Amino acid sequence: MAACAARWTAGGEIVATAVPGLSLFRKETSTEPTSCMYEPSLALIVQGAKRVLLGEEAYEYRAGQFLITSLDLPALGQVVEATREQPCLGIMLKLDPRGLAEMLLDSSLAGQSGLPAGRGMEVGQARRPLLDAFRRLLELLDSPADIPVLAPLVQREIVYRLLMSDQGGRLRHIASAGSQGHRVARAIDWLKGHFAEPLRVEDLAAHVQMSVSTFHHHFRTLTTMSPLQFQKWLRLNEARRLMLIEHCDASTAAAQVGYESPSQFSREYKRQFGVPPRRDMEGLRRLHGLGEAGAPAQAAAVH
């Protein structure tokens, strides 16, 4: 599997494949923690090691282990073991909440008990049946004509293996309609689409049919953040993207993501990223070879 992933990622770092929802990862050096949004997914390491920081908690996983993310979570990702000769290689498969819910209706899974509510992220050990399914999914890349028919079947098997694993309870907790985890996932979906708007937590709790205290408790349990902190993370990272890619100035970016006070934006930006907006942009443009207009100075992709 490592040899296959290395072959398909030659010359790239994150490579989308012909299989819907499947991408491959390659990194030839260790990295500093990078802020990103982890979608509901399964990330399997086949060589090297990565670490994800969710709040104050660290999740390190290496060859033969997977990171399961059951809902959208802001976190810091870091490659901790990689060299040019032995790059960090991974396989990432997006999880479809609707597909999970449909599979839960199967009689053989309906009676399975779930884990107590916990974080929306966890590391697990990949057993042979799960590894075999991933191997067959990778092999389909050499038979593109077979992908439309066989890939959905193998992906369904992977989801089944996950649901039957030690971490299956986390997925059931999120995918089961009416569960507290499912309601928090709905709240996160709303925040992602309305982060620039003023937020009243009472209204959001009512939107997902939870009391304010229960909503706060389960939201923080799953994400390590309060709803307001989650909204702030979305705002600041979108402002960062606007300044870096669309070349907005700090005041314009702040207004577009919902800040009324540029000074408040600058304070919270520095608290989040460690430096003020202008200095952060200068450093990022040097790092990624971007000119003042935001265009790449060299042929290098920004990830």
C-alpha atoms as a PDB file:
ATOM      1  CA  MET A   1       0.000   0.000   0.000  1.00  0.00           C
ATOM      2  CA  ALA A   2       2.890   2.369   0.745  1.00  0.00           C
ATOM      3  CA  ALA A   3       4.426   1.613  -2.654  1.00  0.00           C
ATOM      4  CA  CYS A   4       1.096   2.286  -4.369  1.00  0.00           C
ATOM      5  CA  ALA A   5       0.564   5.558  -2.476  1.00  0.00           C
ATOM      6  CA  ALA A   6       4.145   6.634  -3.280  1.00  0.00           C
ATOM      7  CA  ARG A   7       3.620   5.942  -6.984  1.00  0.00           C
ATOM      8  CA  TRP A   8       0.391   7.915  -7.212  1.00  0.00           C
ATOM      9  CA  THR A   9       1.714  10.888  -5.209  1.00  0.00           C
ATOM     10  CA  ALA A  10       5.036  11.295  -7.037  1.00  0.00           C
ATOM     11  CA  GLY A  11       5.517  15.027  -7.537  1.00  0.00           C
ATOM     12  CA  GLY A  12       2.600  16.048  -5.311  1.00  0.00           C
ATOM     13  CA  GLU A  13       1.567  16.368  -1.674  1.00  0.00           C
ATOM     14  CA  ILE A  14      -2.218  15.983  -1.650  1.00  0.00           C
ATOM     15  CA  VAL A  15      -3.550  14.136  -4.684  1.00  0.00           C
ATOM     16  CA  ALA A  16      -7.248  13.682  -5.430  1.00  0.00           C
ATOM     17  CA  THR A  17      -7.914  10.341  -7.103  1.00  0.00           C
ATOM     18  CA  ALA A  18     -10.470   9.076  -9.602  1.00  0.00           C
ATOM     19  CA  VAL A  19     -12.308   7.406  -6.708  1.00  0.00           C
ATOM     20  CA  PRO A  20     -14.829   9.921  -5.297  1.00  0.00           C
ATOM     21  CA  GLY A  21     -13.885  11.004  -1.773  1.00  0.00           C
ATOM     22  CA  LEU A  22     -10.480   9.302  -1.869  1.00  0.00           C
ATOM     23  CA  SER A  23      -7.228  11.288  -1.787  1.00  0.00           C
ATOM     24  CA  LEU A  24      -3.612  10.437  -1.100  1.00  0.00           C
ATOM     25  CA  PHE A  25      -1.128  12.345   1.031  1.00  0.00           C
ATOM     26  CA  ARG A  26       2.662  12.649   0.786  1.00  0.00           C
ATOM     27  CA  LYS A  27       5.127  14.751   2.747  1.00  0.00           C
ATOM     28  CA  GLU A  28       8.900  14.363   2.586  1.00  0.00           C
ATOM     29  CA  THR A  29       9.811  16.475   5.636  1.00  0.00           C
ATOM     30  CA  SER A  30       8.406  17.002   9.099  1.00  0.00           C
ATOM     31  CA  THR A  31       6.303  20.159   9.496  1.00  0.00           C
ATOM     32  CA  GLU A  32       5.155  22.691  12.052  1.00  0.00           C
ATOM     33  CA  PRO A  33       1.509  22.485  13.198  1.00  0.00           C
ATOM     34  CA  THR A  34      -0.824  23.918  10.546  1.00  0.00           C
ATOM     35  CA  SER A  35      -4.367  25.085  11.196  1.00  0.00           C
ATOM     36  CA  CYS A  36      -7.044  23.297   9.161  1.00  0.00           C
ATOM     37  CA  MET A  37     -10.603  21.993   9.263  1.00  0.00           C
ATOM     38  CA  TYR A  38     -10.847  18.224   9.536  1.00  0.00           C
ATOM     39  CA  GLU A  39     -13.946  16.909   7.764  1.00  0.00           C
ATOM     40  CA  PRO A  40     -15.729  13.655   8.655  1.00  0.00           C
ATOM     41  CA  SER A  41     -13.136  11.230   7.334  1.00  0.00           C
ATOM     42  CA  LEU A  42     -10.840   8.312   7.858  1.00  0.00           C
ATOM     43  CA  ALA A  43      -7.099   8.970   7.446  1.00  0.00           C
ATOM     44  CA  LEU A  44      -4.906   5.884   7.294  1.00  0.00           C
ATOM     45  CA  ILE A  45      -1.112   6.197   7.544  1.00  0.00           C
ATOM     46  CA  VAL A  46       0.836   3.637   5.524  1.00  0.00           C
ATOM     47  CA  GLN A  47       4.303   5.106   6.146  1.00  0.00           C
ATOM     48  CA  GLY A  48       5.654   7.721   8.566  1.00  0.00           C
ATOM     49  CA  ALA A  49       3.650   9.462  11.280  1.00  0.00           C
ATOM     50  CA  LYS A  50       1.378  12.476  11.836  1.00  0.00           C
ATOM     51  CA  ARG A  51       0.041  14.324  14.856  1.00  0.00           C
ATOM     52  CA  VAL A  52      -3.196  16.261  15.191  1.00  0.00           C
ATOM     53  CA  LEU A  53      -3.774  18.741  18.003  1.00  0.00           C
ATOM     54  CA  LEU A  54      -7.401  19.201  19.000  1.00  0.00           C
ATOM     55  CA  GLY A  55      -7.554  21.796  21.732  1.00  0.00           C
ATOM     56  CA  GLU A  56      -5.092  20.601  24.378  1.00  0.00           C
ATOM     57  CA  GLU A  57      -5.207  16.981  23.217  1.00  0.00           C
ATOM     58  CA  ALA A  58      -2.754  15.322  20.815  1.00  0.00           C
ATOM     59  CA  TYR A  59      -3.555  12.411  18.510  1.00  0.00           C
ATOM     60  CA  GLU A  60      -0.490  10.760  16.984  1.00  0.00           C
ATOM     61  CA  TYR A  61      -0.876   7.973  14.461  1.00  0.00           C
ATOM     62  CA  ARG A  62       1.594   6.061  12.332  1.00  0.00           C
ATOM     63  CA  ALA A  63       1.780   3.216   9.824  1.00  0.00           C
ATOM     64  CA  GLY A  64      -1.070   0.789  10.411  1.00  0.00           C
ATOM     65  CA  GLN A  65      -3.136   3.268  12.429  1.00  0.00           C
ATOM     66  CA  PHE A  66      -5.973   5.552  11.399  1.00  0.00           C
ATOM     67  CA  LEU A  67      -7.462   8.810  12.583  1.00  0.00           C
ATOM     68  CA  ILE A  68     -11.233   8.868  12.502  1.00  0.00           C
ATOM     69  CA  THR A  69     -12.971  12.267  12.502  1.00  0.00           C
ATOM     70  CA  SER A  70     -16.711  12.087  12.992  1.00  0.00           C
ATOM     71  CA  LEU A  71     -17.661  15.744  12.376  1.00  0.00           C
ATOM     72  CA  ASP A  72     -16.069  18.986  11.168  1.00  0.00           C
ATOM     73  CA  LEU A  73     -13.358  19.915  13.663  1.00  0.00           C
ATOM     74  CA  PRO A  74     -10.848  22.806  13.649  1.00  0.00           C
ATOM     75  CA  ALA A  75      -7.450  21.386  14.577  1.00  0.00           C
ATOM     76  CA  LEU A  76      -3.706  21.618  13.972  1.00  0.00           C
ATOM     77  CA  GLY A  77      -2.112  19.010  11.723  1.00  0.00           C
ATOM     78  CA  GLN A  78       1.590  18.151  11.817  1.00  0.00           C
ATOM     79  CA  VAL A  79       3.855  15.622  10.087  1.00  0.00           C
ATOM     80  CA  VAL A  80       6.250  14.262  12.711  1.00  0.00           C
ATOM     81  CA  GLU A  81       8.054  11.475  10.835  1.00  0.00           C
ATOM     82  CA  ALA A  82       9.079  11.899   7.187  1.00  0.00           C
ATOM     83  CA  THR A  83      12.207  11.984   5.042  1.00  0.00           C
ATOM     84  CA  ARG A  84      12.875  12.220   1.331  1.00  0.00           C
ATOM     85  CA  GLU A  85      13.779   8.521   1.275  1.00  0.00           C
ATOM     86  CA  GLN A  86      10.883   7.487   3.541  1.00  0.00           C
ATOM     87  CA  PRO A  87       8.105  10.097   3.068  1.00  0.00           C
ATOM     88  CA  CYS A  88       5.008  10.205   5.211  1.00  0.00           C
ATOM     89  CA  LEU A  89       2.266   8.571   3.133  1.00  0.00           C
ATOM     90  CA  GLY A  90      -1.427   8.481   3.902  1.00  0.00           C
ATOM     91  CA  ILE A  91      -4.826   7.590   2.482  1.00  0.00           C
ATOM     92  CA  MET A  92      -7.792   9.854   3.216  1.00  0.00           C
ATOM     93  CA  LEU A  93     -11.395   8.808   2.673  1.00  0.00           C
ATOM     94  CA  LYS A  94     -14.249  11.238   3.266  1.00  0.00           C
ATOM     95  CA  LEU A  95     -17.168   9.812   5.230  1.00  0.00           C
ATOM     96  CA  ASP A  96     -20.695  10.503   4.039  1.00  0.00           C
ATOM     97  CA  PRO A  97     -22.981  11.074   7.062  1.00  0.00           C
ATOM     98  CA  ARG A  98     -25.997  10.073   4.967  1.00  0.00           C
ATOM     99  CA  GLY A  99     -24.338   6.801   3.981  1.00  0.00           C
ATOM    100  CA  LEU A 100     -23.486   6.150   7.625  1.00  0.00           C
ATOM    101  CA  ALA A 101     -27.084   6.761   8.663  1.00  0.00           C
ATOM    102  CA  GLU A 102     -28.394   4.435   5.957  1.00  0.00           C
ATOM    103  CA  MET A 103     -26.036   1.664   7.054  1.00  0.00           C
ATOM    104  CA  LEU A 104     -27.133   2.084  10.659  1.00  0.00           C
ATOM    105  CA  LEU A 105     -30.627   1.057   9.575  1.00  0.00           C
ATOM    106  CA  ASP A 106     -29.255  -2.402   8.790  1.00  0.00           C
ATOM    107  CA  SER A 107     -30.626  -4.883  11.339  1.00  0.00           C
ATOM    108  CA  SER A 108     -27.156  -6.266  12.129  1.00  0.00           C
ATOM    109  CA  LEU A 109     -25.964  -2.822  13.225  1.00  0.00           C
ATOM    110  CA  ALA A 110     -29.095  -1.416  14.830  1.00  0.00           C
ATOM    111  CA  GLY A 111     -28.489  -3.158  18.136  1.00  0.00           C
ATOM    112  CA  GLN A 112     -24.804  -2.259  18.425  1.00  0.00           C
ATOM    113  CA  SER A 113     -24.076  -0.139  21.461  1.00  0.00           C
ATOM    114  CA  GLY A 114     -22.138   3.076  21.066  1.00  0.00           C
ATOM    115  CA  LEU A 115     -19.322   4.556  23.115  1.00  0.00           C
ATOM    116  CA  PRO A 116     -20.112   7.196  25.719  1.00  0.00           C
ATOM    117  CA  ALA A 117     -20.061  10.679  24.238  1.00  0.00           C
ATOM    118  CA  GLY A 118     -16.465  11.801  23.742  1.00  0.00           C
ATOM    119  CA  ARG A 119     -14.309  13.786  21.346  1.00  0.00           C
ATOM    120  CA  GLY A 120     -15.222  13.783  17.684  1.00  0.00           C
ATOM    121  CA  MET A 121     -11.746  12.472  16.843  1.00  0.00           C
ATOM    122  CA  GLU A 122      -9.841   9.335  17.808  1.00  0.00           C
ATOM    123  CA  VAL A 123      -6.963   7.079  16.750  1.00  0.00           C
ATOM    124  CA  GLY A 124      -7.555   3.404  16.035  1.00  0.00           C
ATOM    125  CA  GLN A 125      -5.554   0.363  14.993  1.00  0.00           C
ATOM    126  CA  ALA A 126      -6.330  -0.825  11.460  1.00  0.00           C
ATOM    127  CA  ARG A 127      -7.122  -4.538  11.473  1.00  0.00           C
ATOM    128  CA  ARG A 128      -6.521  -6.861   8.539  1.00  0.00           C
ATOM    129  CA  PRO A 129     -10.085  -6.698   7.065  1.00  0.00           C
ATOM    130  CA  LEU A 130      -9.966  -2.881   6.993  1.00  0.00           C
ATOM    131  CA  LEU A 131      -6.482  -2.871   5.456  1.00  0.00           C
ATOM    132  CA  ASP A 132      -7.575  -5.410   2.826  1.00  0.00           C
ATOM    133  CA  ALA A 133     -10.519  -3.212   1.852  1.00  0.00           C
ATOM    134  CA  PHE A 134      -8.281  -0.161   1.496  1.00  0.00           C
ATOM    135  CA  ARG A 135      -5.805  -2.171  -0.567  1.00  0.00           C
ATOM    136  CA  ARG A 136      -8.574  -3.180  -2.976  1.00  0.00           C
ATOM    137  CA  LEU A 137      -9.732   0.437  -3.208  1.00  0.00           C
ATOM    138  CA  LEU A 138      -6.218   1.560  -4.129  1.00  0.00           C
ATOM    139  CA  GLU A 139      -5.898  -1.215  -6.718  1.00  0.00           C
ATOM    140  CA  LEU A 140      -8.939   0.194  -8.505  1.00  0.00           C
ATOM    141  CA  LEU A 141      -6.838   3.226  -9.470  1.00  0.00           C
ATOM    142  CA  ASP A 142      -5.138   0.973 -12.028  1.00  0.00           C
ATOM    143  CA  SER A 143      -8.540  -0.115 -13.400  1.00  0.00           C
ATOM    144  CA  PRO A 144     -10.453   3.166 -13.895  1.00  0.00           C
ATOM    145  CA  ALA A 145     -13.241   1.450 -15.855  1.00  0.00           C
ATOM    146  CA  ASP A 146     -14.082  -0.586 -12.727  1.00  0.00           C
ATOM    147  CA  ILE A 147     -14.288   2.394 -10.369  1.00  0.00           C
ATOM    148  CA  PRO A 148     -17.949   3.420 -10.939  1.00  0.00           C
ATOM    149  CA  VAL A 149     -19.209  -0.095 -10.118  1.00  0.00           C
ATOM    150  CA  LEU A 150     -16.718  -1.467  -7.588  1.00  0.00           C
ATOM    151  CA  ALA A 151     -15.569   1.617  -5.638  1.00  0.00           C
ATOM    152  CA  PRO A 152     -18.960   2.215  -3.937  1.00  0.00           C
ATOM    153  CA  LEU A 153     -19.036  -1.437  -2.844  1.00  0.00           C
ATOM    154  CA  VAL A 154     -15.541  -1.296  -1.335  1.00  0.00           C
ATOM    155  CA  GLN A 155     -16.267   2.054   0.323  1.00  0.00           C
ATOM    156  CA  ARG A 156     -19.404   0.589   1.855  1.00  0.00           C
ATOM    157  CA  GLU A 157     -17.326  -2.287   3.205  1.00  0.00           C
ATOM    158  CA  ILE A 158     -14.852   0.195   4.723  1.00  0.00           C
ATOM    159  CA  VAL A 159     -17.694   2.026   6.482  1.00  0.00           C
ATOM    160  CA  TYR A 160     -19.025  -1.288   7.750  1.00  0.00           C
ATOM    161  CA  ARG A 161     -15.589  -2.251   9.080  1.00  0.00           C
ATOM    162  CA  LEU A 162     -15.378   1.094  10.848  1.00  0.00           C
ATOM    163  CA  LEU A 163     -18.802   0.735  12.425  1.00  0.00           C
ATOM    164  CA  MET A 164     -17.842  -2.710  13.696  1.00  0.00           C
ATOM    165  CA  SER A 165     -14.468  -1.519  15.056  1.00  0.00           C
ATOM    166  CA  ASP A 166     -13.650  -0.194  18.518  1.00  0.00           C
ATOM    167  CA  GLN A 167     -14.338   3.326  17.216  1.00  0.00           C
ATOM    168  CA  GLY A 168     -17.682   2.496  15.621  1.00  0.00           C
ATOM    169  CA  GLY A 169     -19.596   3.917  18.558  1.00  0.00           C
ATOM    170  CA  ARG A 170     -18.293   7.396  17.775  1.00  0.00           C
ATOM    171  CA  LEU A 171     -19.698   7.225  14.263  1.00  0.00           C
ATOM    172  CA  ARG A 172     -23.022   5.866  15.490  1.00  0.00           C
ATOM    173  CA  HIS A 173     -23.206   8.681  18.028  1.00  0.00           C
ATOM    174  CA  ILE A 174     -22.876  11.284  15.262  1.00  0.00           C
ATOM    175  CA  ALA A 175     -24.867   9.593  12.496  1.00  0.00           C
ATOM    176  CA  SER A 176     -27.897   8.491  14.529  1.00  0.00           C
ATOM    177  CA  ALA A 177     -30.714  10.970  13.880  1.00  0.00           C
ATOM    178  CA  GLY A 178     -31.879  12.588  17.105  1.00  0.00           C
ATOM    179  CA  SER A 179     -28.691  11.871  19.067  1.00  0.00           C
ATOM    180  CA  GLN A 180     -26.875  14.692  20.827  1.00  0.00           C
ATOM    181  CA  GLY A 181     -23.880  14.204  18.537  1.00  0.00           C
ATOM    182  CA  HIS A 182     -26.064  14.458  15.447  1.00  0.00           C
ATOM    183  CA  ARG A 183     -27.546  17.701  16.748  1.00  0.00           C
ATOM    184  CA  VAL A 184     -24.093  19.168  17.389  1.00  0.00           C
ATOM    185  CA  ALA A 185     -23.118  18.195  13.828  1.00  0.00           C
ATOM    186  CA  ARG A 186     -26.176  20.093  12.561  1.00  0.00           C
ATOM    187  CA  ALA A 187     -25.138  23.134  14.611  1.00  0.00           C
ATOM    188  CA  ILE A 188     -21.651  23.000  13.094  1.00  0.00           C
ATOM    189  CA  ASP A 189     -23.158  22.876   9.601  1.00  0.00           C
ATOM    190  CA  TRP A 190     -25.155  26.010  10.444  1.00  0.00           C
ATOM    191  CA  LEU A 191     -22.075  27.798  11.799  1.00  0.00           C
ATOM    192  CA  LYS A 192     -20.071  26.994   8.666  1.00  0.00           C
ATOM    193  CA  GLY A 193     -22.737  28.629   6.518  1.00  0.00           C
ATOM    194  CA  HIS A 194     -23.457  31.642   8.751  1.00  0.00           C
ATOM    195  CA  PHE A 195     -20.199  32.406  10.596  1.00  0.00           C
ATOM    196  CA  ALA A 196     -20.206  36.062   9.473  1.00  0.00           C
ATOM    197  CA  GLU A 197     -23.573  36.663  11.135  1.00  0.00           C
ATOM    198  CA  PRO A 198     -24.054  37.651  14.819  1.00  0.00           C
ATOM    199  CA  LEU A 199     -24.421  34.523  16.948  1.00  0.00           C
ATOM    200  CA  ARG A 200     -26.858  34.034  19.788  1.00  0.00           C
ATOM    201  CA  VAL A 201     -26.106  30.643  21.295  1.00  0.00           C
ATOM    202  CA  GLU A 202     -29.664  30.448  22.624  1.00  0.00           C
ATOM    203  CA  ASP A 203     -31.029  30.644  19.084  1.00  0.00           C
ATOM    204  CA  LEU A 204     -28.593  28.045  17.769  1.00  0.00           C
ATOM    205  CA  ALA A 205     -29.437  25.666  20.606  1.00  0.00           C
ATOM    206  CA  ALA A 206     -33.132  26.083  19.843  1.00  0.00           C
ATOM    207  CA  HIS A 207     -32.424  25.492  16.128  1.00  0.00           C
ATOM    208  CA  VAL A 208     -31.033  22.023  16.923  1.00  0.00           C
ATOM    209  CA  GLN A 209     -33.652  21.390  19.626  1.00  0.00           C
ATOM    210  CA  MET A 210     -31.379  21.366  22.676  1.00  0.00           C
ATOM    211  CA  SER A 211     -31.355  23.318  25.906  1.00  0.00           C
ATOM    212  CA  VAL A 212     -28.571  25.883  26.165  1.00  0.00           C
ATOM    213  CA  SER A 213     -26.731  24.037  28.950  1.00  0.00           C
ATOM    214  CA  THR A 214     -26.963  20.658  27.208  1.00  0.00           C
ATOM    215  CA  PHE A 215     -25.895  22.208  23.906  1.00  0.00           C
ATOM    216  CA  HIS A 216     -22.846  23.872  25.481  1.00  0.00           C
ATOM    217  CA  HIS A 217     -21.830  20.652  27.239  1.00  0.00           C
ATOM    218  CA  HIS A 218     -22.035  18.369  24.202  1.00  0.00           C
ATOM    219  CA  PHE A 219     -20.556  20.937  21.802  1.00  0.00           C
ATOM    220  CA  ARG A 220     -17.476  21.396  23.990  1.00  0.00           C
ATOM    221  CA  THR A 221     -17.179  17.662  24.661  1.00  0.00           C
ATOM    222  CA  LEU A 222     -17.043  16.873  20.946  1.00  0.00           C
ATOM    223  CA  THR A 223     -15.009  19.846  19.698  1.00  0.00           C
ATOM    224  CA  THR A 224     -13.068  21.129  22.786  1.00  0.00           C
ATOM    225  CA  MET A 225     -14.502  24.580  21.928  1.00  0.00           C
ATOM    226  CA  SER A 226     -17.538  26.641  22.800  1.00  0.00           C
ATOM    227  CA  PRO A 227     -19.844  27.613  19.895  1.00  0.00           C
ATOM    228  CA  LEU A 228     -18.486  31.193  20.034  1.00  0.00           C
ATOM    229  CA  GLN A 229     -14.876  29.950  19.908  1.00  0.00           C
ATOM    230  CA  PHE A 230     -15.783  27.746  16.954  1.00  0.00           C
ATOM    231  CA  GLN A 231     -17.312  30.725  15.144  1.00  0.00           C
ATOM    232  CA  LYS A 232     -14.202  32.797  15.887  1.00  0.00           C
ATOM    233  CA  TRP A 233     -11.959  30.078  14.409  1.00  0.00           C
ATOM    234  CA  LEU A 234     -14.064  30.014  11.226  1.00  0.00           C
ATOM    235  CA  ARG A 235     -13.981  33.801  10.928  1.00  0.00           C
ATOM    236  CA  LEU A 236     -10.239  34.173  11.462  1.00  0.00           C
ATOM    237  CA  ASN A 237      -9.276  31.373   9.084  1.00  0.00           C
ATOM    238  CA  GLU A 238     -11.558  32.712   6.359  1.00  0.00           C
ATOM    239  CA  ALA A 239     -10.072  36.199   6.871  1.00  0.00           C
ATOM    240  CA  ARG A 240      -6.599  34.681   6.541  1.00  0.00           C
ATOM    241  CA  ARG A 241      -7.632  33.046   3.265  1.00  0.00           C
ATOM    242  CA  LEU A 242      -9.104  36.294   1.949  1.00  0.00           C
ATOM    243  CA  MET A 243      -5.907  38.204   2.689  1.00  0.00           C
ATOM    244  CA  LEU A 244      -3.561  35.543   1.313  1.00  0.00           C
ATOM    245  CA  ILE A 245      -5.422  34.310  -1.771  1.00  0.00           C
ATOM    246  CA  GLU A 246      -7.749  37.205  -2.686  1.00  0.00           C
ATOM    247  CA  HIS A 247      -5.345  39.898  -1.452  1.00  0.00           C
ATOM    248  CA  CYS A 248      -7.861  41.744   0.704  1.00  0.00           C
ATOM    249  CA  ASP A 249      -6.494  44.205   3.234  1.00  0.00           C
ATOM    250  CA  ALA A 250      -7.054  43.417   6.919  1.00  0.00           C
ATOM    251  CA  SER A 251      -9.956  45.840   7.377  1.00  0.00           C
ATOM    252  CA  THR A 252     -11.835  44.485   4.346  1.00  0.00           C
ATOM    253  CA  ALA A 253     -11.262  40.871   5.377  1.00  0.00           C
ATOM    254  CA  ALA A 254     -12.380  41.617   8.927  1.00  0.00           C
ATOM    255  CA  ALA A 255     -15.613  43.218   7.728  1.00  0.00           C
ATOM    256  CA  GLN A 256     -16.366  40.356   5.327  1.00  0.00           C
ATOM    257  CA  VAL A 257     -16.145  37.740   8.079  1.00  0.00           C
ATOM    258  CA  GLY A 258     -18.311  39.689  10.511  1.00  0.00           C
ATOM    259  CA  TYR A 259     -16.010  41.880  12.610  1.00  0.00           C
ATOM    260  CA  GLU A 260     -17.253  45.402  13.301  1.00  0.00           C
ATOM    261  CA  SER A 261     -14.031  46.495  15.016  1.00  0.00           C
ATOM    262  CA  PRO A 262     -10.718  46.232  13.087  1.00  0.00           C
ATOM    263  CA  SER A 263      -8.790  46.553  16.359  1.00  0.00           C
ATOM    264  CA  GLN A 264     -10.685  43.616  17.889  1.00  0.00           C
ATOM    265  CA  PHE A 265     -10.002  41.616  14.730  1.00  0.00           C
ATOM    266  CA  SER A 266      -6.285  42.381  14.946  1.00  0.00           C
ATOM    267  CA  ARG A 267      -6.130  41.381  18.631  1.00  0.00           C
ATOM    268  CA  GLU A 268      -7.943  38.093  18.067  1.00  0.00           C
ATOM    269  CA  TYR A 269      -5.954  37.359  14.917  1.00  0.00           C
ATOM    270  CA  LYS A 270      -2.671  37.763  16.796  1.00  0.00           C
ATOM    271  CA  ARG A 271      -3.973  35.570  19.611  1.00  0.00           C
ATOM    272  CA  GLN A 272      -4.924  32.857  17.092  1.00  0.00           C
ATOM    273  CA  PHE A 273      -1.892  32.923  14.775  1.00  0.00           C
ATOM    274  CA  GLY A 274       0.799  34.460  16.984  1.00  0.00           C
ATOM    275  CA  VAL A 275       1.466  37.544  14.837  1.00  0.00           C
ATOM    276  CA  PRO A 276      -0.573  40.512  13.527  1.00  0.00           C
ATOM    277  CA  PRO A 277      -2.271  40.140  10.119  1.00  0.00           C
ATOM    278  CA  ARG A 278       0.284  42.122   8.083  1.00  0.00           C
ATOM    279  CA  ARG A 279       3.293  40.257   9.476  1.00  0.00           C
ATOM    280  CA  ASP A 280       1.502  36.915   9.037  1.00  0.00           C
ATOM    281  CA  MET A 281       0.810  37.667   5.376  1.00  0.00           C
ATOM    282  CA  GLU A 282       4.438  38.658   4.763  1.00  0.00           C
ATOM    283  CA  GLY A 283       5.634  35.386   6.251  1.00  0.00           C
ATOM    284  CA  LEU A 284       3.084  33.250   4.378  1.00  0.00           C
ATOM    285  CA  ARG A 285       3.870  34.886   1.037  1.00  0.00           C
ATOM    286  CA  ARG A 286       7.578  34.266   1.528  1.00  0.00           C
ATOM    287  CA  LEU A 287       6.899  30.675   2.562  1.00  0.00           C
ATOM    288  CA  HIS A 288       4.686  29.914  -0.446  1.00  0.00           C
ATOM    289  CA  GLY A 289       6.501  32.071  -2.995  1.00  0.00           C
ATOM    290  CA  LEU A 290       3.564  34.443  -3.454  1.00  0.00           C
ATOM    291  CA  GLY A 291       4.023  37.906  -4.880  1.00  0.00           C
ATOM    292  CA  GLU A 292       2.246  41.001  -3.651  1.00  0.00           C
ATOM    293  CA  ALA A 293      -0.697  40.317  -5.945  1.00  0.00           C
ATOM    294  CA  GLY A 294      -1.144  36.880  -4.420  1.00  0.00           C
ATOM    295  CA  ALA A 295       0.077  35.010  -7.520  1.00  0.00           C
ATOM    296  CA  PRO A 296       2.674  32.277  -7.144  1.00  0.00           C
ATOM    297  CA  ALA A 297       6.189  33.510  -7.832  1.00  0.00           C
ATOM    298  CA  GLN A 298       7.179  29.908  -8.519  1.00  0.00           C
ATOM    299  CA  ALA A 299       5.266  26.820  -9.594  1.00  0.00           C
ATOM    300  CA  ALA A 300       4.368  25.693  -6.095  1.00  0.00           C
ATOM    301  CA  ALA A 301       0.940  24.779  -4.788  1.00  0.00           C
ATOM    302  CA  VAL A 302      -0.375  26.209  -1.551  1.00  0.00           C
ATOM    303  CA  HIS A 303      -1.808  23.566   0.773  1.00  0.00           C
END
